[in-house]
Amino acid sequence: MLRTFAMAAVLAAVSVPALAGTPVLDARQQNQRERIAQGVRSGELTAPETRRLVRGEVRLHRHERAAKSDGVVTRRERVSLDRHADRMSARIYRQKHDAQSRPARW
């Protein structure tokens, strides 16, 4: 009986973070990663720009993980995550459309 209760408690603890889903944010992050990769392939992003954008995406992911850590993403946390993703999206756009580009390789 005690063993069954302990197993149920462990399973509940493991599955709680799964309830704190952010599928819209996950899709946005995937899209932003693809935009960064496309900018690298096309030469629109220089190495330092790419490094800064990737660091920003890592910070966004860390922020998302912290919001999910208690098993619930509150409305305030979701708004904060969305704003962070909006800022990252704008940064990606600005960096891809500025005058800098990687030199062409021959």
N, C-alpha and C. Protein backbone atom coordinates (compact mmCIF):
# COMPACT_ATOMS: atom_id res chain seq x y z
N MET A 1 0.82 -1.18 0.00
CA MET A 1 0.00 0.00 0.00
C MET A 1 0.88 1.26 0.00
N LEU A 2 1.84 1.31 0.90
CA LEU A 2 2.74 2.46 0.97
C LEU A 2 3.56 2.58 -0.31
N ARG A 3 3.98 1.44 -0.83
CA ARG A 3 4.76 1.44 -2.05
C ARG A 3 3.94 1.98 -3.22
N THR A 4 2.68 1.58 -3.31
CA THR A 4 1.80 2.06 -4.37
C THR A 4 1.60 3.57 -4.25
N PHE A 5 1.41 4.05 -3.03
CA PHE A 5 1.23 5.48 -2.80
C PHE A 5 2.50 6.25 -3.20
N ALA A 6 3.66 5.72 -2.84
CA ALA A 6 4.92 6.36 -3.18
C ALA A 6 5.11 6.42 -4.70
N MET A 7 4.77 5.34 -5.38
CA MET A 7 4.90 5.30 -6.84
C MET A 7 3.95 6.32 -7.48
N ALA A 8 2.73 6.41 -6.98
CA ALA A 8 1.77 7.37 -7.50
C ALA A 8 2.25 8.80 -7.29
N ALA A 9 2.86 9.07 -6.15
CA ALA A 9 3.38 10.40 -5.86
C ALA A 9 4.52 10.77 -6.81
N VAL A 10 5.40 9.82 -7.08
CA VAL A 10 6.50 10.06 -8.00
C VAL A 10 5.98 10.33 -9.41
N LEU A 11 5.04 9.53 -9.86
CA LEU A 11 4.47 9.74 -11.19
C LEU A 11 3.76 11.07 -11.30
N ALA A 12 3.06 11.46 -10.26
CA ALA A 12 2.37 12.75 -10.27
C ALA A 12 3.38 13.90 -10.32
N ALA A 13 4.45 13.78 -9.57
CA ALA A 13 5.47 14.83 -9.56
C ALA A 13 6.16 14.96 -10.90
N VAL A 14 6.37 13.86 -11.57
CA VAL A 14 7.03 13.88 -12.88
C VAL A 14 6.11 14.43 -13.95
N SER A 15 4.83 14.15 -13.87
CA SER A 15 3.92 14.56 -14.92
C SER A 15 3.38 15.97 -14.74
N VAL A 16 3.52 16.60 -13.59
CA VAL A 16 2.99 17.94 -13.36
C VAL A 16 3.61 18.96 -14.31
N PRO A 17 4.94 18.99 -14.50
CA PRO A 17 5.48 19.98 -15.43
C PRO A 17 4.93 19.81 -16.85
N ALA A 18 4.51 18.63 -17.21
CA ALA A 18 3.94 18.42 -18.54
C ALA A 18 2.62 19.16 -18.69
N LEU A 19 1.94 19.42 -17.58
CA LEU A 19 0.68 20.15 -17.64
C LEU A 19 0.90 21.62 -17.96
N ALA A 20 2.06 22.13 -17.67
CA ALA A 20 2.38 23.53 -17.91
C ALA A 20 2.86 23.72 -19.33
N GLY A 21 2.02 23.40 -20.30
CA GLY A 21 2.41 23.47 -21.69
C GLY A 21 2.33 24.86 -22.25
N THR A 22 3.21 25.16 -23.18
CA THR A 22 3.19 26.41 -23.91
C THR A 22 3.37 26.11 -25.40
N PRO A 23 2.39 25.46 -26.02
CA PRO A 23 2.57 25.05 -27.41
C PRO A 23 2.73 26.21 -28.38
N VAL A 24 2.07 27.32 -28.12
CA VAL A 24 2.20 28.47 -29.03
C VAL A 24 3.61 29.03 -28.94
N LEU A 25 4.13 29.17 -27.73
CA LEU A 25 5.48 29.67 -27.56
C LEU A 25 6.49 28.70 -28.15
N ASP A 26 6.28 27.40 -27.96
CA ASP A 26 7.19 26.41 -28.54
C ASP A 26 7.24 26.53 -30.06
N ALA A 27 6.08 26.74 -30.68
CA ALA A 27 6.04 26.89 -32.14
C ALA A 27 6.76 28.17 -32.57
N ARG A 28 6.58 29.24 -31.80
CA ARG A 28 7.27 30.50 -32.12
C ARG A 28 8.78 30.34 -32.01
N GLN A 29 9.22 29.65 -30.96
CA GLN A 29 10.66 29.45 -30.78
C GLN A 29 11.23 28.64 -31.94
N GLN A 30 10.52 27.62 -32.38
CA GLN A 30 10.97 26.82 -33.52
C GLN A 30 11.07 27.69 -34.77
N ASN A 31 10.07 28.51 -35.00
CA ASN A 31 10.06 29.41 -36.16
C ASN A 31 11.23 30.39 -36.08
N GLN A 32 11.49 30.93 -34.89
CA GLN A 32 12.60 31.86 -34.75
C GLN A 32 13.94 31.18 -34.97
N ARG A 33 14.09 29.94 -34.50
CA ARG A 33 15.34 29.20 -34.76
C ARG A 33 15.52 29.00 -36.27
N GLU A 34 14.43 28.70 -36.96
CA GLU A 34 14.52 28.51 -38.41
C GLU A 34 14.87 29.82 -39.12
N ARG A 35 14.32 30.93 -38.64
CA ARG A 35 14.65 32.23 -39.23
C ARG A 35 16.12 32.56 -39.05
N ILE A 36 16.66 32.27 -37.87
CA ILE A 36 18.09 32.50 -37.62
C ILE A 36 18.92 31.62 -38.54
N ALA A 37 18.58 30.34 -38.64
CA ALA A 37 19.33 29.42 -39.50
C ALA A 37 19.27 29.86 -40.95
N GLN A 38 18.11 30.33 -41.41
CA GLN A 38 17.98 30.81 -42.79
C GLN A 38 18.85 32.04 -43.00
N GLY A 39 18.92 32.92 -42.00
CA GLY A 39 19.77 34.11 -42.11
C GLY A 39 21.24 33.76 -42.19
N VAL A 40 21.64 32.71 -41.49
CA VAL A 40 23.03 32.26 -41.56
C VAL A 40 23.31 31.69 -42.94
N ARG A 41 22.39 30.84 -43.43
CA ARG A 41 22.58 30.22 -44.76
C ARG A 41 22.65 31.26 -45.86
N SER A 42 21.82 32.29 -45.78
CA SER A 42 21.76 33.29 -46.85
C SER A 42 22.85 34.35 -46.74
N GLY A 43 23.52 34.41 -45.59
CA GLY A 43 24.56 35.41 -45.39
C GLY A 43 24.02 36.72 -44.84
N GLU A 44 22.74 36.77 -44.50
CA GLU A 44 22.16 38.00 -43.95
C GLU A 44 22.63 38.27 -42.53
N LEU A 45 23.08 37.23 -41.82
CA LEU A 45 23.53 37.38 -40.45
C LEU A 45 25.03 37.13 -40.36
N THR A 46 25.72 38.04 -39.70
CA THR A 46 27.15 37.85 -39.46
C THR A 46 27.31 36.93 -38.25
N ALA A 47 28.52 36.48 -38.01
CA ALA A 47 28.78 35.59 -36.88
C ALA A 47 28.43 36.25 -35.53
N PRO A 48 28.84 37.51 -35.29
CA PRO A 48 28.47 38.13 -34.01
C PRO A 48 26.96 38.31 -33.86
N GLU A 49 26.28 38.67 -34.94
CA GLU A 49 24.82 38.81 -34.88
C GLU A 49 24.17 37.47 -34.53
N THR A 50 24.64 36.43 -35.18
CA THR A 50 24.09 35.09 -34.93
C THR A 50 24.31 34.69 -33.48
N ARG A 51 25.52 34.95 -32.98
CA ARG A 51 25.84 34.61 -31.60
C ARG A 51 24.90 35.33 -30.63
N ARG A 52 24.66 36.62 -30.85
CA ARG A 52 23.77 37.39 -29.98
C ARG A 52 22.33 36.87 -30.06
N LEU A 53 21.87 36.55 -31.26
CA LEU A 53 20.50 36.06 -31.41
C LEU A 53 20.32 34.70 -30.75
N VAL A 54 21.31 33.84 -30.89
CA VAL A 54 21.23 32.51 -30.27
C VAL A 54 21.23 32.65 -28.75
N ARG A 55 22.06 33.55 -28.22
CA ARG A 55 22.06 33.78 -26.77
C ARG A 55 20.70 34.28 -26.30
N GLY A 56 20.06 35.14 -27.10
CA GLY A 56 18.73 35.62 -26.74
C GLY A 56 17.71 34.50 -26.73
N GLU A 57 17.81 33.58 -27.68
CA GLU A 57 16.90 32.43 -27.72
C GLU A 57 17.13 31.52 -26.51
N VAL A 58 18.38 31.38 -26.10
CA VAL A 58 18.70 30.57 -24.91
C VAL A 58 18.08 31.22 -23.68
N ARG A 59 18.19 32.56 -23.58
CA ARG A 59 17.57 33.27 -22.44
C ARG A 59 16.06 33.08 -22.44
N LEU A 60 15.43 33.14 -23.60
CA LEU A 60 13.99 32.92 -23.69
C LEU A 60 13.64 31.51 -23.23
N HIS A 61 14.41 30.53 -23.65
CA HIS A 61 14.15 29.15 -23.24
C HIS A 61 14.31 29.00 -21.72
N ARG A 62 15.34 29.64 -21.17
CA ARG A 62 15.56 29.59 -19.72
C ARG A 62 14.40 30.24 -18.97
N HIS A 63 13.91 31.35 -19.51
CA HIS A 63 12.76 32.05 -18.92
C HIS A 63 11.53 31.14 -18.97
N GLU A 64 11.33 30.45 -20.07
CA GLU A 64 10.20 29.53 -20.20
C GLU A 64 10.31 28.38 -19.19
N ARG A 65 11.52 27.83 -19.06
CA ARG A 65 11.72 26.74 -18.11
C ARG A 65 11.43 27.17 -16.69
N ALA A 66 11.83 28.39 -16.34
CA ALA A 66 11.57 28.90 -15.00
C ALA A 66 10.07 29.07 -14.77
N ALA A 67 9.36 29.54 -15.80
CA ALA A 67 7.91 29.71 -15.68
C ALA A 67 7.21 28.37 -15.51
N LYS A 68 7.72 27.34 -16.15
CA LYS A 68 7.11 26.01 -16.08
C LYS A 68 7.53 25.23 -14.83
N SER A 69 8.50 25.72 -14.10
CA SER A 69 9.10 24.93 -13.02
C SER A 69 8.12 24.56 -11.92
N ASP A 70 7.12 25.39 -11.68
CA ASP A 70 6.17 25.06 -10.62
C ASP A 70 4.96 24.29 -11.13
N GLY A 71 4.97 23.97 -12.42
CA GLY A 71 3.90 23.15 -12.98
C GLY A 71 2.75 23.93 -13.57
N VAL A 72 2.76 25.25 -13.39
CA VAL A 72 1.69 26.09 -13.91
C VAL A 72 2.30 27.34 -14.53
N VAL A 73 1.87 27.67 -15.73
CA VAL A 73 2.29 28.92 -16.34
C VAL A 73 1.13 29.90 -16.16
N THR A 74 1.32 30.88 -15.29
CA THR A 74 0.26 31.84 -15.01
C THR A 74 0.08 32.80 -16.17
N ARG A 75 -1.00 33.54 -16.15
CA ARG A 75 -1.27 34.53 -17.20
C ARG A 75 -0.14 35.55 -17.25
N ARG A 76 0.31 36.00 -16.09
CA ARG A 76 1.39 36.99 -16.04
C ARG A 76 2.68 36.42 -16.65
N GLU A 77 3.00 35.17 -16.32
CA GLU A 77 4.20 34.54 -16.89
C GLU A 77 4.06 34.37 -18.40
N ARG A 78 2.87 34.00 -18.84
CA ARG A 78 2.64 33.80 -20.27
C ARG A 78 2.79 35.13 -21.03
N VAL A 79 2.26 36.22 -20.46
CA VAL A 79 2.41 37.54 -21.09
C VAL A 79 3.87 37.93 -21.15
N SER A 80 4.60 37.68 -20.07
CA SER A 80 6.02 38.00 -20.04
C SER A 80 6.78 37.19 -21.09
N LEU A 81 6.47 35.92 -21.20
CA LEU A 81 7.12 35.08 -22.21
C LEU A 81 6.79 35.55 -23.62
N ASP A 82 5.54 35.92 -23.85
CA ASP A 82 5.14 36.41 -25.17
C ASP A 82 5.87 37.70 -25.52
N ARG A 83 6.01 38.60 -24.56
CA ARG A 83 6.74 39.85 -24.81
C ARG A 83 8.20 39.58 -25.12
N HIS A 84 8.78 38.65 -24.38
CA HIS A 84 10.17 38.28 -24.63
C HIS A 84 10.31 37.72 -26.06
N ALA A 85 9.39 36.86 -26.45
CA ALA A 85 9.42 36.29 -27.80
C ALA A 85 9.20 37.38 -28.86
N ASP A 86 8.34 38.36 -28.57
CA ASP A 86 8.12 39.47 -29.50
C ASP A 86 9.40 40.27 -29.70
N ARG A 87 10.09 40.55 -28.60
CA ARG A 87 11.35 41.30 -28.69
C ARG A 87 12.39 40.53 -29.49
N MET A 88 12.46 39.21 -29.25
CA MET A 88 13.42 38.39 -30.01
C MET A 88 13.08 38.40 -31.50
N SER A 89 11.81 38.31 -31.82
CA SER A 89 11.38 38.33 -33.21
C SER A 89 11.79 39.64 -33.88
N ALA A 90 11.58 40.75 -33.18
CA ALA A 90 11.96 42.05 -33.73
C ALA A 90 13.48 42.14 -33.92
N ARG A 91 14.24 41.60 -32.97
CA ARG A 91 15.70 41.61 -33.09
C ARG A 91 16.15 40.80 -34.30
N ILE A 92 15.53 39.65 -34.49
CA ILE A 92 15.89 38.82 -35.65
C ILE A 92 15.62 39.59 -36.93
N TYR A 93 14.45 40.23 -37.02
CA TYR A 93 14.10 40.99 -38.22
C TYR A 93 15.13 42.11 -38.45
N ARG A 94 15.43 42.88 -37.39
CA ARG A 94 16.37 44.00 -37.55
C ARG A 94 17.74 43.52 -37.99
N GLN A 95 18.23 42.44 -37.40
CA GLN A 95 19.56 41.95 -37.75
C GLN A 95 19.60 41.39 -39.17
N LYS A 96 18.52 40.74 -39.59
CA LYS A 96 18.51 40.18 -40.94
C LYS A 96 18.39 41.26 -42.01
N HIS A 97 17.81 42.41 -41.66
CA HIS A 97 17.57 43.44 -42.65
C HIS A 97 18.47 44.66 -42.50
N ASP A 98 19.51 44.57 -41.68
CA ASP A 98 20.42 45.70 -41.59
C ASP A 98 21.42 45.63 -42.76
N ALA A 99 22.30 46.61 -42.80
CA ALA A 99 23.21 46.71 -43.95
C ALA A 99 24.37 45.74 -43.88
N GLN A 100 24.56 45.08 -42.75
CA GLN A 100 25.68 44.17 -42.60
C GLN A 100 25.35 42.83 -43.26
N SER A 101 26.38 42.21 -43.82
CA SER A 101 26.23 40.86 -44.33
C SER A 101 27.60 40.19 -44.32
N ARG A 102 27.58 38.89 -44.36
CA ARG A 102 28.85 38.16 -44.41
C ARG A 102 29.45 38.34 -45.78
N PRO A 103 30.77 38.41 -45.85
CA PRO A 103 31.39 38.48 -47.18
C PRO A 103 31.14 37.18 -47.94
N ALA A 104 30.99 37.32 -49.24
CA ALA A 104 30.74 36.14 -50.09
C ALA A 104 32.00 35.28 -50.14
N ARG A 105 31.80 33.97 -50.12
CA ARG A 105 32.91 33.04 -50.24
C ARG A 105 33.02 32.63 -51.69
N TRP A 106 34.25 32.56 -52.18
CA TRP A 106 34.44 32.15 -53.58
C TRP A 106 34.79 30.77 -53.66
